[in-house]
Amino acid sequence: MELKDALSAHSLLGRGSAVCVGTFDGVHLGHRALLNEAMRLAESRSLASVAIAFRQQPRSVIHPDQPTKYLCPLDERLELLGDTGVDAVVPVDFTEGVRNLRAAEFLRLLMGPVGLAVLVIGPGARQGRDQLGVEELVSLGREMGFEVAQAAGAAVEGVSVSSSAIRDSVERGCMGRASAMLGRDFSLSGTVVEGSRRGRTLGYPTANLSVPPGSVLPMDGIYAARASVEGGGEFLAAVSVGVRPTFGSGERIVEAFLLDFAGSIYGRGLRLRFARRLRDEAAFGGASELVRQIGRDVEETRALLGGVG
């Protein structure tokens, strides 16, 4: 769907709006600061608050040869955006056509069905092919008839919150920092698929998680997590991310042992919320040595998390 058609499908019927634009990967604390400011301004001016959410990260179009990783898939992003309380979430494709629009051209489209009255931007934001910054956007807004408001960013331990900073933290196994920036535990969601069934022979049957392509994965290692099973059920989980070197390195997988769970969940959805990294992945001398370590991982998970809340 072309940008103009996508915007028209979400027409606010002449009602003006406070608009913020972005990919919103992770819907982290920085995004929430932006959205909260849009909602605050909308309420004070009797406007609607609107989030224009690009389905693709712009760099995936600008640099198609470079791999693009996401903190959460599109459906989860849209769900999280809706949960913020914003009046409307408008998903649009970031295409070559959108990439080539100048800021004035793009914002003029928003002044139509979306009724752009206030453009809310974050620190360092730039718009359009011409990469207009704050002062230039303020000047453009005066010419075109909309206001520009800049929202304060968010920081954790002196580090500015951004999707790239969170991706870096996840990939380094720093789950505490990633969770602090997200405002919730980092999670992976997917479908449980059949694996080698080796865990079952060891007394610790695991659920192998098939995650969407392009998902950011935590650094290889063992993690304490909470698991939500499709159809009901919350459990503690000891999660392994890696190549299982004790049995000869293979493909990189995510597998979870759900504490106090019995049954089969093949084909069902599973969400893992990572709380803490317990240790590095390691090659053990044999199955019995590995089983003893898994037992210690399980007990550490239980001691750390205690419950599933």
C-alpha atoms as a PDB file:
ATOM      1  CA  MET A   1       0.000   0.000   0.000  1.00  0.00           C
ATOM      2  CA  GLU A   2       1.349   3.419  -0.955  1.00  0.00           C
ATOM      3  CA  LEU A   3       1.986   5.950   1.803  1.00  0.00           C
ATOM      4  CA  LYS A   4      -0.887   8.220   0.790  1.00  0.00           C
ATOM      5  CA  ASP A   5      -3.334   5.297   0.740  1.00  0.00           C
ATOM      6  CA  ALA A   6      -2.102   4.011   4.113  1.00  0.00           C
ATOM      7  CA  LEU A   7      -2.614   7.431   5.665  1.00  0.00           C
ATOM      8  CA  SER A   8      -6.057   7.818   4.088  1.00  0.00           C
ATOM      9  CA  ALA A   9      -7.093   4.460   5.555  1.00  0.00           C
ATOM     10  CA  HIS A  10      -6.532   5.986   9.012  1.00  0.00           C
ATOM     11  CA  SER A  11      -8.269   9.302   8.362  1.00  0.00           C
ATOM     12  CA  LEU A  12      -9.156  11.203  11.524  1.00  0.00           C
ATOM     13  CA  LEU A  13     -12.095  12.863   9.750  1.00  0.00           C
ATOM     14  CA  GLY A  14     -10.795  16.403   9.974  1.00  0.00           C
ATOM     15  CA  ARG A  15      -9.598  16.204  13.578  1.00  0.00           C
ATOM     16  CA  GLY A  16      -6.108  17.665  14.029  1.00  0.00           C
ATOM     17  CA  SER A  17      -3.350  15.575  15.533  1.00  0.00           C
ATOM     18  CA  ALA A  18      -0.066  15.563  17.423  1.00  0.00           C
ATOM     19  CA  VAL A  19       2.134  13.190  15.437  1.00  0.00           C
ATOM     20  CA  CYS A  20       5.361  11.316  16.108  1.00  0.00           C
ATOM     21  CA  VAL A  21       7.118   9.262  13.442  1.00  0.00           C
ATOM     22  CA  GLY A  22       9.531   6.352  13.739  1.00  0.00           C
ATOM     23  CA  THR A  23      10.180   2.631  13.585  1.00  0.00           C
ATOM     24  CA  PHE A  24       9.634   2.348  17.361  1.00  0.00           C
ATOM     25  CA  ASP A  25      11.661  -0.858  17.545  1.00  0.00           C
ATOM     26  CA  GLY A  26      11.301  -2.062  21.118  1.00  0.00           C
ATOM     27  CA  VAL A  27       8.902   0.739  22.138  1.00  0.00           C
ATOM     28  CA  HIS A  28      11.487   1.605  24.787  1.00  0.00           C
ATOM     29  CA  LEU A  29      11.609   4.406  27.370  1.00  0.00           C
ATOM     30  CA  GLY A  30      12.818   6.919  24.793  1.00  0.00           C
ATOM     31  CA  HIS A  31       9.886   6.109  22.520  1.00  0.00           C
ATOM     32  CA  ARG A  32       7.502   6.326  25.464  1.00  0.00           C
ATOM     33  CA  ALA A  33       8.819   9.792  26.351  1.00  0.00           C
ATOM     34  CA  LEU A  34       8.065  10.857  22.769  1.00  0.00           C
ATOM     35  CA  LEU A  35       4.597   9.296  22.786  1.00  0.00           C
ATOM     36  CA  ASN A  36       3.770  10.712  26.223  1.00  0.00           C
ATOM     37  CA  GLU A  37       4.640  14.197  25.010  1.00  0.00           C
ATOM     38  CA  ALA A  38       2.438  13.715  21.941  1.00  0.00           C
ATOM     39  CA  MET A  39      -0.438  12.576  24.153  1.00  0.00           C
ATOM     40  CA  ARG A  40       0.098  15.481  26.569  1.00  0.00           C
ATOM     41  CA  LEU A  41       0.085  18.044  23.761  1.00  0.00           C
ATOM     42  CA  ALA A  42      -2.898  16.391  22.100  1.00  0.00           C
ATOM     43  CA  GLU A  43      -4.936  16.562  25.296  1.00  0.00           C
ATOM     44  CA  SER A  44      -4.020  20.197  25.942  1.00  0.00           C
ATOM     45  CA  ARG A  45      -5.006  21.216  22.398  1.00  0.00           C
ATOM     46  CA  SER A  46      -8.020  18.907  21.890  1.00  0.00           C
ATOM     47  CA  LEU A  47      -6.154  16.941  19.234  1.00  0.00           C
ATOM     48  CA  ALA A  48      -5.681  13.240  18.545  1.00  0.00           C
ATOM     49  CA  SER A  49      -2.328  11.626  19.296  1.00  0.00           C
ATOM     50  CA  VAL A  50      -0.916   9.604  16.387  1.00  0.00           C
ATOM     51  CA  ALA A  51       2.116   7.351  15.966  1.00  0.00           C
ATOM     52  CA  ILE A  52       3.266   6.808  12.376  1.00  0.00           C
ATOM     53  CA  ALA A  53       5.145   3.503  12.611  1.00  0.00           C
ATOM     54  CA  PHE A  54       7.426   2.341   9.814  1.00  0.00           C
ATOM     55  CA  ARG A  55       7.170  -1.404   9.314  1.00  0.00           C
ATOM     56  CA  GLN A  56      10.813  -1.537   8.190  1.00  0.00           C
ATOM     57  CA  GLN A  57      13.848   0.130   9.658  1.00  0.00           C
ATOM     58  CA  PRO A  58      14.906   2.835   7.173  1.00  0.00           C
ATOM     59  CA  ARG A  59      18.445   1.465   7.014  1.00  0.00           C
ATOM     60  CA  SER A  60      17.080  -1.841   5.661  1.00  0.00           C
ATOM     61  CA  VAL A  61      16.056   0.131   2.549  1.00  0.00           C
ATOM     62  CA  ILE A  62      19.024   2.505   2.520  1.00  0.00           C
ATOM     63  CA  HIS A  63      21.554  -0.320   3.042  1.00  0.00           C
ATOM     64  CA  PRO A  64      19.822  -3.486   1.795  1.00  0.00           C
ATOM     65  CA  ASP A  65      23.135  -5.399   1.756  1.00  0.00           C
ATOM     66  CA  GLN A  66      23.528  -5.046   5.533  1.00  0.00           C
ATOM     67  CA  PRO A  67      21.586  -7.351   7.897  1.00  0.00           C
ATOM     68  CA  THR A  68      18.811  -5.655   9.875  1.00  0.00           C
ATOM     69  CA  LYS A  69      17.930  -6.843  13.369  1.00  0.00           C
ATOM     70  CA  TYR A  70      14.803  -6.059  15.381  1.00  0.00           C
ATOM     71  CA  LEU A  71      14.142  -6.051  19.113  1.00  0.00           C
ATOM     72  CA  CYS A  72      10.587  -7.236  18.505  1.00  0.00           C
ATOM     73  CA  PRO A  73       8.494  -8.240  15.472  1.00  0.00           C
ATOM     74  CA  LEU A  74       6.004  -5.865  13.882  1.00  0.00           C
ATOM     75  CA  ASP A  75       2.879  -7.329  15.494  1.00  0.00           C
ATOM     76  CA  GLU A  76       4.430  -6.976  18.946  1.00  0.00           C
ATOM     77  CA  ARG A  77       5.572  -3.417  18.181  1.00  0.00           C
ATOM     78  CA  LEU A  78       2.061  -2.434  17.137  1.00  0.00           C
ATOM     79  CA  GLU A  79       0.581  -4.085  20.224  1.00  0.00           C
ATOM     80  CA  LEU A  80       3.027  -2.240  22.498  1.00  0.00           C
ATOM     81  CA  LEU A  81       2.300   1.061  20.751  1.00  0.00           C
ATOM     82  CA  GLY A  82      -1.427   0.530  21.194  1.00  0.00           C
ATOM     83  CA  ASP A  83      -0.915  -0.186  24.881  1.00  0.00           C
ATOM     84  CA  THR A  84       0.702   3.232  25.417  1.00  0.00           C
ATOM     85  CA  GLY A  85      -2.693   4.936  25.098  1.00  0.00           C
ATOM     86  CA  VAL A  86      -1.970   6.802  21.855  1.00  0.00           C
ATOM     87  CA  ASP A  87      -5.200   7.444  19.916  1.00  0.00           C
ATOM     88  CA  ALA A  88      -4.066   5.964  16.606  1.00  0.00           C
ATOM     89  CA  VAL A  89      -1.198   3.826  15.372  1.00  0.00           C
ATOM     90  CA  VAL A  90      -0.650   4.035  11.609  1.00  0.00           C
ATOM     91  CA  PRO A  91       1.718   1.371  10.209  1.00  0.00           C
ATOM     92  CA  VAL A  92       3.310   2.358   6.891  1.00  0.00           C
ATOM     93  CA  ASP A  93       5.960   0.818   4.654  1.00  0.00           C
ATOM     94  CA  PHE A  94       9.303   2.595   4.420  1.00  0.00           C
ATOM     95  CA  THR A  95       9.841   2.249   0.689  1.00  0.00           C
ATOM     96  CA  GLU A  96      12.215   3.821  -1.811  1.00  0.00           C
ATOM     97  CA  GLY A  97       9.414   6.280  -2.533  1.00  0.00           C
ATOM     98  CA  VAL A  98       9.231   7.329   1.125  1.00  0.00           C
ATOM     99  CA  ARG A  99      13.019   7.460   1.340  1.00  0.00           C
ATOM    100  CA  ASN A 100      13.152   9.932  -1.549  1.00  0.00           C
ATOM    101  CA  LEU A 101      10.581  12.339  -0.098  1.00  0.00           C
ATOM    102  CA  ARG A 102      11.863  15.661   1.177  1.00  0.00           C
ATOM    103  CA  ALA A 103      10.716  16.613   4.662  1.00  0.00           C
ATOM    104  CA  ALA A 104       8.204  19.144   3.287  1.00  0.00           C
ATOM    105  CA  GLU A 105       6.715  16.539   0.941  1.00  0.00           C
ATOM    106  CA  PHE A 106       6.401  13.927   3.664  1.00  0.00           C
ATOM    107  CA  LEU A 107       4.895  16.333   6.202  1.00  0.00           C
ATOM    108  CA  ARG A 108       2.462  17.721   3.650  1.00  0.00           C
ATOM    109  CA  LEU A 109       1.088  14.197   3.280  1.00  0.00           C
ATOM    110  CA  LEU A 110       0.589  14.068   7.057  1.00  0.00           C
ATOM    111  CA  MET A 111      -1.357  17.322   6.953  1.00  0.00           C
ATOM    112  CA  GLY A 112      -4.033  15.635   4.838  1.00  0.00           C
ATOM    113  CA  PRO A 113      -5.957  12.705   6.321  1.00  0.00           C
ATOM    114  CA  VAL A 114      -3.886  12.572   9.531  1.00  0.00           C
ATOM    115  CA  GLY A 115      -4.364  16.312  10.132  1.00  0.00           C
ATOM    116  CA  LEU A 116      -0.834  17.110  11.337  1.00  0.00           C
ATOM    117  CA  ALA A 117      -1.040  20.052  13.742  1.00  0.00           C
ATOM    118  CA  VAL A 118       1.943  19.304  16.004  1.00  0.00           C
ATOM    119  CA  LEU A 119       5.008  17.309  14.993  1.00  0.00           C
ATOM    120  CA  VAL A 120       6.651  15.801  18.072  1.00  0.00           C
ATOM    121  CA  ILE A 121      10.319  14.862  17.631  1.00  0.00           C
ATOM    122  CA  GLY A 122      13.020  13.444  19.846  1.00  0.00           C
ATOM    123  CA  PRO A 123      16.594  14.644  20.458  1.00  0.00           C
ATOM    124  CA  GLY A 124      18.686  14.681  17.316  1.00  0.00           C
ATOM    125  CA  ALA A 125      15.722  13.854  15.071  1.00  0.00           C
ATOM    126  CA  ARG A 126      15.966  14.499  11.341  1.00  0.00           C
ATOM    127  CA  GLN A 127      13.246  14.324   8.723  1.00  0.00           C
ATOM    128  CA  GLY A 128      13.166  13.573   5.022  1.00  0.00           C
ATOM    129  CA  ARG A 129      15.693  12.963   2.309  1.00  0.00           C
ATOM    130  CA  ASP A 130      17.083  16.429   3.045  1.00  0.00           C
ATOM    131  CA  GLN A 131      17.587  15.467   6.715  1.00  0.00           C
ATOM    132  CA  LEU A 132      16.091  18.597   8.252  1.00  0.00           C
ATOM    133  CA  GLY A 133      16.971  19.143  11.903  1.00  0.00           C
ATOM    134  CA  VAL A 134      15.018  20.862  14.681  1.00  0.00           C
ATOM    135  CA  GLU A 135      15.543  24.492  13.702  1.00  0.00           C
ATOM    136  CA  GLU A 136      14.833  23.792  10.037  1.00  0.00           C
ATOM    137  CA  LEU A 137      11.681  21.859  10.925  1.00  0.00           C
ATOM    138  CA  VAL A 138      10.469  24.690  13.162  1.00  0.00           C
ATOM    139  CA  SER A 139      10.955  27.118  10.269  1.00  0.00           C
ATOM    140  CA  LEU A 140       9.215  24.733   7.865  1.00  0.00           C
ATOM    141  CA  GLY A 141       6.344  24.330  10.307  1.00  0.00           C
ATOM    142  CA  ARG A 142       5.792  28.093  10.406  1.00  0.00           C
ATOM    143  CA  GLU A 143       5.593  28.142   6.612  1.00  0.00           C
ATOM    144  CA  MET A 144       3.281  25.141   6.325  1.00  0.00           C
ATOM    145  CA  GLY A 145       1.102  25.741   9.377  1.00  0.00           C
ATOM    146  CA  PHE A 146       2.095  23.152  11.968  1.00  0.00           C
ATOM    147  CA  GLU A 147       3.924  23.337  15.289  1.00  0.00           C
ATOM    148  CA  VAL A 148       7.118  21.462  16.139  1.00  0.00           C
ATOM    149  CA  ALA A 149       7.671  20.248  19.707  1.00  0.00           C
ATOM    150  CA  GLN A 150      10.785  18.492  20.952  1.00  0.00           C
ATOM    151  CA  ALA A 151      10.423  15.787  23.595  1.00  0.00           C
ATOM    152  CA  ALA A 152      13.151  15.106  26.114  1.00  0.00           C
ATOM    153  CA  GLY A 153      14.913  11.792  25.691  1.00  0.00           C
ATOM    154  CA  ALA A 154      15.480   9.125  28.326  1.00  0.00           C
ATOM    155  CA  ALA A 155      18.721   7.895  29.865  1.00  0.00           C
ATOM    156  CA  VAL A 156      19.761   4.942  32.027  1.00  0.00           C
ATOM    157  CA  GLU A 157      22.939   5.262  34.088  1.00  0.00           C
ATOM    158  CA  GLY A 158      23.980   8.208  31.965  1.00  0.00           C
ATOM    159  CA  VAL A 159      23.497   6.367  28.661  1.00  0.00           C
ATOM    160  CA  SER A 160      20.904   7.682  26.216  1.00  0.00           C
ATOM    161  CA  VAL A 161      18.160   5.146  25.572  1.00  0.00           C
ATOM    162  CA  SER A 162      18.010   4.053  21.953  1.00  0.00           C
ATOM    163  CA  SER A 163      17.138   0.915  20.030  1.00  0.00           C
ATOM    164  CA  SER A 164      20.775   0.490  18.979  1.00  0.00           C
ATOM    165  CA  ALA A 165      21.980   0.765  22.599  1.00  0.00           C
ATOM    166  CA  ILE A 166      19.453  -1.880  23.653  1.00  0.00           C
ATOM    167  CA  ARG A 167      20.414  -4.196  20.796  1.00  0.00           C
ATOM    168  CA  ASP A 168      24.052  -3.841  21.848  1.00  0.00           C
ATOM    169  CA  SER A 169      23.196  -4.637  25.474  1.00  0.00           C
ATOM    170  CA  VAL A 170      21.201  -7.730  24.489  1.00  0.00           C
ATOM    171  CA  GLU A 171      23.953  -9.010  22.218  1.00  0.00           C
ATOM    172  CA  ARG A 172      26.465  -8.586  25.049  1.00  0.00           C
ATOM    173  CA  GLY A 173      24.219 -10.424  27.483  1.00  0.00           C
ATOM    174  CA  CYS A 174      23.638  -7.325  29.630  1.00  0.00           C
ATOM    175  CA  MET A 175      19.991  -8.120  30.278  1.00  0.00           C
ATOM    176  CA  GLY A 176      19.653  -5.805  33.277  1.00  0.00           C
ATOM    177  CA  ARG A 177      20.650  -2.753  31.256  1.00  0.00           C
ATOM    178  CA  ALA A 178      18.518  -3.821  28.285  1.00  0.00           C
ATOM    179  CA  SER A 179      15.486  -4.281  30.559  1.00  0.00           C
ATOM    180  CA  ALA A 180      16.074  -0.917  32.248  1.00  0.00           C
ATOM    181  CA  MET A 181      16.107   0.830  28.861  1.00  0.00           C
ATOM    182  CA  LEU A 182      13.073  -1.050  27.585  1.00  0.00           C
ATOM    183  CA  GLY A 183      11.078  -0.515  30.771  1.00  0.00           C
ATOM    184  CA  ARG A 184      10.375  -4.277  30.814  1.00  0.00           C
ATOM    185  CA  ASP A 185      12.334  -7.490  30.368  1.00  0.00           C
ATOM    186  CA  PHE A 186      13.694  -8.171  26.899  1.00  0.00           C
ATOM    187  CA  SER A 187      11.689 -10.987  25.331  1.00  0.00           C
ATOM    188  CA  LEU A 188      11.759 -13.417  22.438  1.00  0.00           C
ATOM    189  CA  SER A 189       8.551 -14.820  20.997  1.00  0.00           C
ATOM    190  CA  GLY A 190       8.046 -17.611  18.523  1.00  0.00           C
ATOM    191  CA  THR A 191       6.698 -21.090  17.933  1.00  0.00           C
ATOM    192  CA  VAL A 192       7.899 -24.228  19.699  1.00  0.00           C
ATOM    193  CA  VAL A 193       9.389 -26.616  17.142  1.00  0.00           C
ATOM    194  CA  GLU A 194      10.708 -30.134  17.404  1.00  0.00           C
ATOM    195  CA  GLY A 195      14.415 -30.445  18.163  1.00  0.00           C
ATOM    196  CA  SER A 196      16.860 -33.306  18.689  1.00  0.00           C
ATOM    197  CA  ARG A 197      15.005 -34.452  21.855  1.00  0.00           C
ATOM    198  CA  ARG A 198      18.379 -34.790  23.574  1.00  0.00           C
ATOM    199  CA  GLY A 199      17.142 -32.826  26.594  1.00  0.00           C
ATOM    200  CA  ARG A 200      14.475 -35.428  27.208  1.00  0.00           C
ATOM    201  CA  THR A 201      17.111 -38.170  27.480  1.00  0.00           C
ATOM    202  CA  LEU A 202      18.989 -36.033  30.029  1.00  0.00           C
ATOM    203  CA  GLY A 203      15.896 -35.542  32.192  1.00  0.00           C
ATOM    204  CA  TYR A 204      15.466 -31.895  31.158  1.00  0.00           C
ATOM    205  CA  PRO A 205      13.161 -31.742  28.109  1.00  0.00           C
ATOM    206  CA  THR A 206      13.467 -28.370  26.398  1.00  0.00           C
ATOM    207  CA  ALA A 207      11.230 -26.308  24.154  1.00  0.00           C
ATOM    208  CA  ASN A 208      13.072 -25.212  21.019  1.00  0.00           C
ATOM    209  CA  LEU A 209      11.947 -21.738  20.005  1.00  0.00           C
ATOM    210  CA  SER A 210      11.709 -20.756  16.343  1.00  0.00           C
ATOM    211  CA  VAL A 211      12.074 -16.964  16.364  1.00  0.00           C
ATOM    212  CA  PRO A 212      11.225 -14.617  13.468  1.00  0.00           C
ATOM    213  CA  PRO A 213      14.106 -13.945  11.043  1.00  0.00           C
ATOM    214  CA  GLY A 214      16.064 -10.822  11.936  1.00  0.00           C
ATOM    215  CA  SER A 215      15.393 -11.081  15.675  1.00  0.00           C
ATOM    216  CA  VAL A 216      18.113  -9.848  18.011  1.00  0.00           C
ATOM    217  CA  LEU A 217      19.406 -12.792  20.051  1.00  0.00           C
ATOM    218  CA  PRO A 218      21.145 -12.559  23.424  1.00  0.00           C
ATOM    219  CA  MET A 219      24.817 -13.449  23.669  1.00  0.00           C
ATOM    220  CA  ASP A 220      25.381 -17.198  23.824  1.00  0.00           C
ATOM    221  CA  GLY A 221      24.940 -18.459  27.357  1.00  0.00           C
ATOM    222  CA  ILE A 222      22.474 -19.646  29.972  1.00  0.00           C
ATOM    223  CA  TYR A 223      19.727 -17.317  31.241  1.00  0.00           C
ATOM    224  CA  ALA A 224      17.088 -17.173  33.960  1.00  0.00           C
ATOM    225  CA  ALA A 225      13.780 -16.254  32.336  1.00  0.00           C
ATOM    226  CA  ARG A 226      10.017 -16.312  32.636  1.00  0.00           C
ATOM    227  CA  ALA A 227       7.974 -18.153  30.032  1.00  0.00           C
ATOM    228  CA  SER A 228       4.433 -17.523  28.802  1.00  0.00           C
ATOM    229  CA  VAL A 229       2.823 -20.400  26.916  1.00  0.00           C
ATOM    230  CA  GLU A 230       0.134 -19.768  24.326  1.00  0.00           C
ATOM    231  CA  GLY A 231      -3.206 -20.884  25.691  1.00  0.00           C
ATOM    232  CA  GLY A 232      -2.263 -20.167  29.270  1.00  0.00           C
ATOM    233  CA  GLY A 233       0.471 -20.880  31.686  1.00  0.00           C
ATOM    234  CA  GLU A 234       3.362 -18.925  33.240  1.00  0.00           C
ATOM    235  CA  PHE A 235       6.536 -20.732  34.228  1.00  0.00           C
ATOM    236  CA  LEU A 236      10.101 -20.088  35.256  1.00  0.00           C
ATOM    237  CA  ALA A 237      12.603 -21.165  32.621  1.00  0.00           C
ATOM    238  CA  ALA A 238      16.300 -21.883  32.321  1.00  0.00           C
ATOM    239  CA  VAL A 239      17.163 -20.848  28.770  1.00  0.00           C
ATOM    240  CA  SER A 240      20.136 -21.783  26.629  1.00  0.00           C
ATOM    241  CA  VAL A 241      21.202 -19.675  23.659  1.00  0.00           C
ATOM    242  CA  GLY A 242      24.001 -21.166  21.610  1.00  0.00           C
ATOM    243  CA  VAL A 243      25.341 -24.174  19.719  1.00  0.00           C
ATOM    244  CA  ARG A 244      25.381 -26.916  22.424  1.00  0.00           C
ATOM    245  CA  PRO A 245      29.175 -27.521  22.290  1.00  0.00           C
ATOM    246  CA  THR A 246      29.099 -30.575  24.575  1.00  0.00           C
ATOM    247  CA  PHE A 247      27.614 -32.576  21.681  1.00  0.00           C
ATOM    248  CA  GLY A 248      29.542 -30.901  18.871  1.00  0.00           C
ATOM    249  CA  SER A 249      28.717 -27.373  17.796  1.00  0.00           C
ATOM    250  CA  GLY A 250      25.682 -27.107  15.543  1.00  0.00           C
ATOM    251  CA  GLU A 251      23.334 -24.342  14.496  1.00  0.00           C
ATOM    252  CA  ARG A 252      22.601 -21.556  16.948  1.00  0.00           C
ATOM    253  CA  ILE A 253      19.335 -22.237  18.784  1.00  0.00           C
ATOM    254  CA  VAL A 254      17.219 -20.951  21.659  1.00  0.00           C
ATOM    255  CA  GLU A 255      15.889 -23.700  23.933  1.00  0.00           C
ATOM    256  CA  ALA A 256      14.121 -23.428  27.275  1.00  0.00           C
ATOM    257  CA  PHE A 257      13.553 -25.871  30.124  1.00  0.00           C
ATOM    258  CA  LEU A 258      10.269 -24.870  31.772  1.00  0.00           C
ATOM    259  CA  LEU A 259      10.357 -25.515  35.503  1.00  0.00           C
ATOM    260  CA  ASP A 260       7.448 -27.465  36.983  1.00  0.00           C
ATOM    261  CA  PHE A 261       5.910 -28.089  33.565  1.00  0.00           C
ATOM    262  CA  ALA A 262       4.822 -31.400  32.084  1.00  0.00           C
ATOM    263  CA  GLY A 263       3.330 -31.977  28.680  1.00  0.00           C
ATOM    264  CA  SER A 264       3.862 -31.137  25.042  1.00  0.00           C
ATOM    265  CA  ILE A 265       3.707 -27.639  23.571  1.00  0.00           C
ATOM    266  CA  TYR A 266       4.910 -28.353  20.023  1.00  0.00           C
ATOM    267  CA  GLY A 267       3.372 -25.891  17.606  1.00  0.00           C
ATOM    268  CA  ARG A 268       2.286 -23.470  20.315  1.00  0.00           C
ATOM    269  CA  GLY A 269       3.478 -19.920  20.823  1.00  0.00           C
ATOM    270  CA  LEU A 270       6.009 -19.211  23.544  1.00  0.00           C
ATOM    271  CA  ARG A 271       7.368 -15.931  24.881  1.00  0.00           C
ATOM    272  CA  LEU A 272      10.569 -15.892  26.925  1.00  0.00           C
ATOM    273  CA  ARG A 273      11.283 -12.847  29.100  1.00  0.00           C
ATOM    274  CA  PHE A 274      14.976 -12.766  29.944  1.00  0.00           C
ATOM    275  CA  ALA A 275      15.777 -11.677  33.493  1.00  0.00           C
ATOM    276  CA  ARG A 276      19.475 -12.410  33.958  1.00  0.00           C
ATOM    277  CA  ARG A 277      22.439 -14.131  32.335  1.00  0.00           C
ATOM    278  CA  LEU A 278      23.660 -16.966  34.554  1.00  0.00           C
ATOM    279  CA  ARG A 279      26.821 -18.117  32.819  1.00  0.00           C
ATOM    280  CA  ASP A 280      28.696 -18.674  29.574  1.00  0.00           C
ATOM    281  CA  GLU A 281      27.874 -21.579  27.336  1.00  0.00           C
ATOM    282  CA  ALA A 282      30.441 -24.332  27.967  1.00  0.00           C
ATOM    283  CA  ALA A 283      31.499 -27.737  26.658  1.00  0.00           C
ATOM    284  CA  PHE A 284      31.334 -30.400  29.365  1.00  0.00           C
ATOM    285  CA  GLY A 285      33.212 -33.700  29.610  1.00  0.00           C
ATOM    286  CA  GLY A 286      30.086 -35.765  29.190  1.00  0.00           C
ATOM    287  CA  ALA A 287      26.349 -36.024  29.711  1.00  0.00           C
ATOM    288  CA  SER A 288      26.520 -36.593  33.469  1.00  0.00           C
ATOM    289  CA  GLU A 289      28.632 -33.483  34.014  1.00  0.00           C
ATOM    290  CA  LEU A 290      26.217 -31.463  31.865  1.00  0.00           C
ATOM    291  CA  VAL A 291      23.195 -32.805  33.797  1.00  0.00           C
ATOM    292  CA  ARG A 292      24.719 -31.704  37.104  1.00  0.00           C
ATOM    293  CA  GLN A 293      25.295 -28.201  35.728  1.00  0.00           C
ATOM    294  CA  ILE A 294      21.772 -27.963  34.340  1.00  0.00           C
ATOM    295  CA  GLY A 295      20.504 -28.881  37.802  1.00  0.00           C
ATOM    296  CA  ARG A 296      22.509 -25.998  39.257  1.00  0.00           C
ATOM    297  CA  ASP A 297      21.163 -23.641  36.545  1.00  0.00           C
ATOM    298  CA  VAL A 298      17.598 -24.646  37.365  1.00  0.00           C
ATOM    299  CA  GLU A 299      18.054 -24.078  41.081  1.00  0.00           C
ATOM    300  CA  GLU A 300      19.739 -20.725  40.472  1.00  0.00           C
ATOM    301  CA  THR A 301      16.833 -19.702  38.256  1.00  0.00           C
ATOM    302  CA  ARG A 302      14.359 -20.689  40.960  1.00  0.00           C
ATOM    303  CA  ALA A 303      16.347 -18.837  43.635  1.00  0.00           C
ATOM    304  CA  LEU A 304      16.682 -15.670  41.517  1.00  0.00           C
ATOM    305  CA  LEU A 305      13.114 -15.407  40.260  1.00  0.00           C
ATOM    306  CA  GLY A 306      11.157 -17.248  42.920  1.00  0.00           C
ATOM    307  CA  GLY A 307       7.824 -16.798  41.136  1.00  0.00           C
ATOM    308  CA  VAL A 308       6.550 -15.995  37.680  1.00  0.00           C
ATOM    309  CA  GLY A 309       5.224 -12.465  38.231  1.00  0.00           C
END
